[in-house]
Amino acid sequence: MTEKEIQLILKNQKLPKDELDDFWDNFTFLFLVTSILGISIWVNYKNYLNENINAENILFLVFGILLFVYTIWSKKNEKKLKVIKTNLNTVQNIKAIKKLCESEKWKIIEQKNSFFEIYLYTFFKARTHKLIFICNENEVLFNLRNTGSYKGRMPFNFGIDTYKENKIRKKIKNYVQHRV
């Protein structure tokens, strides 16, 4: 990651395309969600023609629409950076992130200047998330994305990502407050 690319990320507040944006990795889940929506529309259309509309089919349609909209919304917003305000300069923020990675035993895959790329693993050594940190003056920006599996990748994890983001946010604030 060059300094020019980092500045572009900071300007857009969004990560560029990477290996997690591969079409086939994202296709499986999107195909499943689109199929659920299509089947629910087809079932409701057939029941409408037979004048046999019931609540279960309408709920299935509403579920399909909500799941489809949430998937598209999640995919659109998954690369946005979250900001944590600090009172530290860039060098102090970098030291805090390095100390956090060291204490959490996170392996830094790439580090260039103020950019950190980290993969999070389970205790079974399975890769689960990609974590990006960008240290800036008076702020640390981060992004956490689900990496998926060999069967595909969802842009959300039904609350697990939010829980991990909140946990990481608290740890960063803790390290920054202690000016490690």
C-alpha atoms as a PDB file:
ATOM      1  CA  MET A   1       0.000   0.000   0.000  1.00  0.00           C
ATOM      2  CA  THR A   2       1.598   3.226  -1.133  1.00  0.00           C
ATOM      3  CA  GLU A   3       1.237   6.575   0.590  1.00  0.00           C
ATOM      4  CA  LYS A   4      -0.827   7.827  -2.359  1.00  0.00           C
ATOM      5  CA  GLU A   5      -3.266   4.899  -1.965  1.00  0.00           C
ATOM      6  CA  ILE A   6      -3.542   5.544   1.771  1.00  0.00           C
ATOM      7  CA  GLN A   7      -4.329   9.212   1.127  1.00  0.00           C
ATOM      8  CA  LEU A   8      -7.011   8.180  -1.371  1.00  0.00           C
ATOM      9  CA  ILE A   9      -8.532   5.822   1.221  1.00  0.00           C
ATOM     10  CA  LEU A  10      -8.527   8.610   3.807  1.00  0.00           C
ATOM     11  CA  LYS A  11     -10.157  10.997   1.348  1.00  0.00           C
ATOM     12  CA  ASN A  12     -12.919   8.530   0.389  1.00  0.00           C
ATOM     13  CA  GLN A  13     -13.259   6.985   3.865  1.00  0.00           C
ATOM     14  CA  LYS A  14     -13.617   3.674   2.037  1.00  0.00           C
ATOM     15  CA  LEU A  15     -11.306   0.777   1.198  1.00  0.00           C
ATOM     16  CA  PRO A  16     -10.507  -0.065  -2.428  1.00  0.00           C
ATOM     17  CA  LYS A  17     -11.339  -3.408  -4.039  1.00  0.00           C
ATOM     18  CA  ASP A  18      -9.357  -6.350  -2.713  1.00  0.00           C
ATOM     19  CA  GLU A  19      -9.387 -10.156  -2.677  1.00  0.00           C
ATOM     20  CA  LEU A  20     -12.644 -10.219  -0.674  1.00  0.00           C
ATOM     21  CA  ASP A  21     -14.483  -8.622  -3.598  1.00  0.00           C
ATOM     22  CA  ASP A  22     -13.953 -11.619  -5.878  1.00  0.00           C
ATOM     23  CA  PHE A  23     -17.146 -12.283  -7.855  1.00  0.00           C
ATOM     24  CA  TRP A  24     -17.330 -16.039  -7.209  1.00  0.00           C
ATOM     25  CA  ASP A  25     -16.749 -15.697  -3.463  1.00  0.00           C
ATOM     26  CA  ASN A  26     -19.708 -13.329  -3.225  1.00  0.00           C
ATOM     27  CA  PHE A  27     -21.875 -15.084  -5.830  1.00  0.00           C
ATOM     28  CA  THR A  28     -22.978 -18.054  -3.696  1.00  0.00           C
ATOM     29  CA  PHE A  29     -24.642 -16.075  -0.931  1.00  0.00           C
ATOM     30  CA  LEU A  30     -26.116 -13.446  -3.252  1.00  0.00           C
ATOM     31  CA  PHE A  31     -27.536 -16.231  -5.449  1.00  0.00           C
ATOM     32  CA  LEU A  32     -29.130 -17.846  -2.375  1.00  0.00           C
ATOM     33  CA  VAL A  33     -30.707 -14.560  -1.230  1.00  0.00           C
ATOM     34  CA  THR A  34     -31.925 -13.738  -4.749  1.00  0.00           C
ATOM     35  CA  SER A  35     -33.389 -17.250  -5.058  1.00  0.00           C
ATOM     36  CA  ILE A  36     -35.298 -16.843  -1.783  1.00  0.00           C
ATOM     37  CA  LEU A  37     -36.700 -13.535  -3.016  1.00  0.00           C
ATOM     38  CA  GLY A  38     -37.588 -14.982  -6.436  1.00  0.00           C
ATOM     39  CA  ILE A  39     -39.311 -18.046  -4.975  1.00  0.00           C
ATOM     40  CA  SER A  40     -41.300 -15.925  -2.520  1.00  0.00           C
ATOM     41  CA  ILE A  41     -42.457 -13.624  -5.347  1.00  0.00           C
ATOM     42  CA  TRP A  42     -43.363 -16.612  -7.529  1.00  0.00           C
ATOM     43  CA  VAL A  43     -45.321 -18.330  -4.703  1.00  0.00           C
ATOM     44  CA  ASN A  44     -47.240 -15.146  -3.922  1.00  0.00           C
ATOM     45  CA  TYR A  45     -47.988 -14.585  -7.608  1.00  0.00           C
ATOM     46  CA  LYS A  46     -49.319 -18.149  -8.016  1.00  0.00           C
ATOM     47  CA  ASN A  47     -51.438 -17.812  -4.884  1.00  0.00           C
ATOM     48  CA  TYR A  48     -52.744 -14.457  -6.102  1.00  0.00           C
ATOM     49  CA  LEU A  49     -53.859 -16.059  -9.373  1.00  0.00           C
ATOM     50  CA  ASN A  50     -55.599 -18.869  -7.446  1.00  0.00           C
ATOM     51  CA  GLU A  51     -57.058 -16.365  -4.969  1.00  0.00           C
ATOM     52  CA  ASN A  52     -55.422 -18.307  -2.167  1.00  0.00           C
ATOM     53  CA  ILE A  53     -53.267 -15.692  -0.421  1.00  0.00           C
ATOM     54  CA  ASN A  54     -52.258 -16.591   3.147  1.00  0.00           C
ATOM     55  CA  ALA A  55     -50.195 -14.963   5.886  1.00  0.00           C
ATOM     56  CA  GLU A  56     -47.275 -17.428   5.713  1.00  0.00           C
ATOM     57  CA  ASN A  57     -46.610 -16.627   2.072  1.00  0.00           C
ATOM     58  CA  ILE A  58     -46.795 -12.891   2.689  1.00  0.00           C
ATOM     59  CA  LEU A  59     -44.375 -13.246   5.629  1.00  0.00           C
ATOM     60  CA  PHE A  60     -42.038 -15.296   3.404  1.00  0.00           C
ATOM     61  CA  LEU A  61     -42.161 -12.502   0.810  1.00  0.00           C
ATOM     62  CA  VAL A  62     -41.459  -9.822   3.430  1.00  0.00           C
ATOM     63  CA  PHE A  63     -38.562 -11.916   4.781  1.00  0.00           C
ATOM     64  CA  GLY A  64     -37.157 -12.335   1.263  1.00  0.00           C
ATOM     65  CA  ILE A  65     -37.381  -8.609   0.538  1.00  0.00           C
ATOM     66  CA  LEU A  66     -35.800  -7.636   3.874  1.00  0.00           C
ATOM     67  CA  LEU A  67     -32.975 -10.174   3.500  1.00  0.00           C
ATOM     68  CA  PHE A  68     -32.265  -9.011  -0.061  1.00  0.00           C
ATOM     69  CA  VAL A  69     -32.259  -5.308   0.878  1.00  0.00           C
ATOM     70  CA  TYR A  70     -30.102  -5.940   3.969  1.00  0.00           C
ATOM     71  CA  THR A  71     -27.615  -7.966   1.914  1.00  0.00           C
ATOM     72  CA  ILE A  72     -27.281  -5.229  -0.711  1.00  0.00           C
ATOM     73  CA  TRP A  73     -27.003  -2.529   1.971  1.00  0.00           C
ATOM     74  CA  SER A  74     -24.354  -4.548   3.859  1.00  0.00           C
ATOM     75  CA  LYS A  75     -22.355  -5.181   0.686  1.00  0.00           C
ATOM     76  CA  LYS A  76     -22.485  -1.477  -0.194  1.00  0.00           C
ATOM     77  CA  ASN A  77     -21.304  -0.367   3.270  1.00  0.00           C
ATOM     78  CA  GLU A  78     -18.872  -3.125   4.247  1.00  0.00           C
ATOM     79  CA  LYS A  79     -15.757  -1.240   3.067  1.00  0.00           C
ATOM     80  CA  LYS A  80     -16.487   2.009   4.927  1.00  0.00           C
ATOM     81  CA  LEU A  81     -13.990   2.972   7.603  1.00  0.00           C
ATOM     82  CA  LYS A  82     -15.002   3.500  11.207  1.00  0.00           C
ATOM     83  CA  VAL A  83     -13.298   6.346  13.075  1.00  0.00           C
ATOM     84  CA  ILE A  84     -12.041   6.377  16.644  1.00  0.00           C
ATOM     85  CA  LYS A  85     -11.033   9.831  17.846  1.00  0.00           C
ATOM     86  CA  THR A  86      -7.829  10.041  19.855  1.00  0.00           C
ATOM     87  CA  ASN A  87      -5.743  12.849  21.264  1.00  0.00           C
ATOM     88  CA  LEU A  88      -2.538  11.330  19.936  1.00  0.00           C
ATOM     89  CA  ASN A  89      -0.399  12.060  16.939  1.00  0.00           C
ATOM     90  CA  THR A  90       0.121   9.542  14.137  1.00  0.00           C
ATOM     91  CA  VAL A  91       3.301   8.011  15.597  1.00  0.00           C
ATOM     92  CA  GLN A  92       1.659   7.439  18.998  1.00  0.00           C
ATOM     93  CA  ASN A  93      -1.401   5.902  17.317  1.00  0.00           C
ATOM     94  CA  ILE A  94       0.872   3.536  15.341  1.00  0.00           C
ATOM     95  CA  LYS A  95       2.610   2.479  18.573  1.00  0.00           C
ATOM     96  CA  ALA A  96      -0.771   1.833  20.216  1.00  0.00           C
ATOM     97  CA  ILE A  97      -1.938  -0.334  17.303  1.00  0.00           C
ATOM     98  CA  LYS A  98       1.348  -2.284  17.295  1.00  0.00           C
ATOM     99  CA  LYS A  99       1.024  -2.873  21.031  1.00  0.00           C
ATOM    100  CA  LEU A 100      -2.599  -3.986  20.589  1.00  0.00           C
ATOM    101  CA  CYS A 101      -1.621  -6.441  17.837  1.00  0.00           C
ATOM    102  CA  GLU A 102       1.197  -7.763  19.976  1.00  0.00           C
ATOM    103  CA  SER A 103      -0.973  -8.291  23.062  1.00  0.00           C
ATOM    104  CA  GLU A 104      -3.808  -9.898  21.071  1.00  0.00           C
ATOM    105  CA  LYS A 105      -1.308 -12.073  19.135  1.00  0.00           C
ATOM    106  CA  TRP A 106      -2.645 -10.773  15.836  1.00  0.00           C
ATOM    107  CA  LYS A 107      -0.273 -11.394  12.972  1.00  0.00           C
ATOM    108  CA  ILE A 108       0.300  -8.257  10.897  1.00  0.00           C
ATOM    109  CA  ILE A 109       0.188  -9.299   7.238  1.00  0.00           C
ATOM    110  CA  GLU A 110       1.146  -5.913   5.830  1.00  0.00           C
ATOM    111  CA  GLN A 111       2.302  -2.715   7.455  1.00  0.00           C
ATOM    112  CA  LYS A 112       3.287   0.344   5.471  1.00  0.00           C
ATOM    113  CA  ASN A 113       3.672   3.587   7.371  1.00  0.00           C
ATOM    114  CA  SER A 114       0.304   4.042   9.098  1.00  0.00           C
ATOM    115  CA  PHE A 115      -1.506   1.190   7.292  1.00  0.00           C
ATOM    116  CA  PHE A 116      -1.994  -2.210   8.966  1.00  0.00           C
ATOM    117  CA  GLU A 117      -3.578  -5.294   7.407  1.00  0.00           C
ATOM    118  CA  ILE A 118      -4.368  -8.132   9.807  1.00  0.00           C
ATOM    119  CA  TYR A 119      -6.224 -11.426   9.542  1.00  0.00           C
ATOM    120  CA  LEU A 120      -8.089 -12.728  12.579  1.00  0.00           C
ATOM    121  CA  TYR A 121      -8.188 -16.467  13.213  1.00  0.00           C
ATOM    122  CA  THR A 122     -10.231 -18.774  15.420  1.00  0.00           C
ATOM    123  CA  PHE A 123      -8.515 -21.077  17.874  1.00  0.00           C
ATOM    124  CA  PHE A 124      -8.820 -23.764  15.155  1.00  0.00           C
ATOM    125  CA  LYS A 125      -6.552 -21.619  12.934  1.00  0.00           C
ATOM    126  CA  ALA A 126      -9.392 -20.832  10.532  1.00  0.00           C
ATOM    127  CA  ARG A 127      -9.279 -17.312   9.085  1.00  0.00           C
ATOM    128  CA  THR A 128     -12.487 -15.437   9.908  1.00  0.00           C
ATOM    129  CA  HIS A 129     -11.990 -11.683   9.437  1.00  0.00           C
ATOM    130  CA  LYS A 130      -9.781  -9.148   7.738  1.00  0.00           C
ATOM    131  CA  LEU A 131      -8.954  -6.131   9.889  1.00  0.00           C
ATOM    132  CA  ILE A 132      -7.524  -2.886   8.500  1.00  0.00           C
ATOM    133  CA  PHE A 133      -6.126  -0.054  10.621  1.00  0.00           C
ATOM    134  CA  ILE A 134      -5.059   3.341   9.340  1.00  0.00           C
ATOM    135  CA  CYS A 135      -3.494   5.660  11.881  1.00  0.00           C
ATOM    136  CA  ASN A 136      -3.908   9.356  11.318  1.00  0.00           C
ATOM    137  CA  GLU A 137      -3.479  12.521  13.333  1.00  0.00           C
ATOM    138  CA  ASN A 138      -5.932  12.413  16.276  1.00  0.00           C
ATOM    139  CA  GLU A 139      -7.773   9.348  14.934  1.00  0.00           C
ATOM    140  CA  VAL A 140      -7.523   5.670  14.169  1.00  0.00           C
ATOM    141  CA  LEU A 141      -9.612   4.374  11.296  1.00  0.00           C
ATOM    142  CA  PHE A 142     -10.482   0.706  11.047  1.00  0.00           C
ATOM    143  CA  ASN A 143     -12.515  -1.747   9.015  1.00  0.00           C
ATOM    144  CA  LEU A 144     -13.480  -5.319   9.850  1.00  0.00           C
ATOM    145  CA  ARG A 145     -14.730  -7.638   7.095  1.00  0.00           C
ATOM    146  CA  ASN A 146     -15.868 -11.240   7.169  1.00  0.00           C
ATOM    147  CA  THR A 147     -13.564 -13.381   4.979  1.00  0.00           C
ATOM    148  CA  GLY A 148     -16.038 -16.221   4.471  1.00  0.00           C
ATOM    149  CA  SER A 149     -15.085 -19.786   3.664  1.00  0.00           C
ATOM    150  CA  TYR A 150     -14.518 -21.986   0.651  1.00  0.00           C
ATOM    151  CA  LYS A 151     -18.322 -22.052   0.194  1.00  0.00           C
ATOM    152  CA  GLY A 152     -18.651 -18.306  -0.246  1.00  0.00           C
ATOM    153  CA  ARG A 153     -18.732 -15.028   1.651  1.00  0.00           C
ATOM    154  CA  MET A 154     -21.590 -13.106   3.225  1.00  0.00           C
ATOM    155  CA  PRO A 155     -21.254  -9.343   3.696  1.00  0.00           C
ATOM    156  CA  PHE A 156     -22.616  -9.756   7.247  1.00  0.00           C
ATOM    157  CA  ASN A 157     -22.496 -12.342  10.005  1.00  0.00           C
ATOM    158  CA  PHE A 158     -25.753 -11.774  11.934  1.00  0.00           C
ATOM    159  CA  GLY A 159     -24.222  -9.751  14.790  1.00  0.00           C
ATOM    160  CA  ILE A 160     -20.823 -11.429  15.109  1.00  0.00           C
ATOM    161  CA  ASP A 161     -19.124  -8.676  13.097  1.00  0.00           C
ATOM    162  CA  THR A 162     -20.797  -5.946  15.162  1.00  0.00           C
ATOM    163  CA  TYR A 163     -19.735  -7.666  18.385  1.00  0.00           C
ATOM    164  CA  LYS A 164     -16.123  -7.962  17.162  1.00  0.00           C
ATOM    165  CA  GLU A 165     -16.098  -4.333  15.970  1.00  0.00           C
ATOM    166  CA  ASN A 166     -17.303  -3.100  19.360  1.00  0.00           C
ATOM    167  CA  LYS A 167     -14.714  -5.263  21.116  1.00  0.00           C
ATOM    168  CA  ILE A 168     -11.914  -3.915  18.899  1.00  0.00           C
ATOM    169  CA  ARG A 169     -13.166  -0.331  19.348  1.00  0.00           C
ATOM    170  CA  LYS A 170     -13.014  -0.730  23.165  1.00  0.00           C
ATOM    171  CA  LYS A 171      -9.512  -2.213  23.006  1.00  0.00           C
ATOM    172  CA  ILE A 172      -8.243   0.627  20.819  1.00  0.00           C
ATOM    173  CA  LYS A 173      -9.755   3.240  23.139  1.00  0.00           C
ATOM    174  CA  ASN A 174      -8.169   1.474  26.094  1.00  0.00           C
ATOM    175  CA  TYR A 175      -4.708   1.471  24.497  1.00  0.00           C
ATOM    176  CA  VAL A 176      -5.043   5.065  23.350  1.00  0.00           C
ATOM    177  CA  GLN A 177      -6.164   6.276  26.786  1.00  0.00           C
ATOM    178  CA  HIS A 178      -3.164   4.645  28.406  1.00  0.00           C
ATOM    179  CA  ARG A 179      -0.876   6.156  25.754  1.00  0.00           C
ATOM    180  CA  VAL A 180       0.984   2.920  25.303  1.00  0.00           C
END
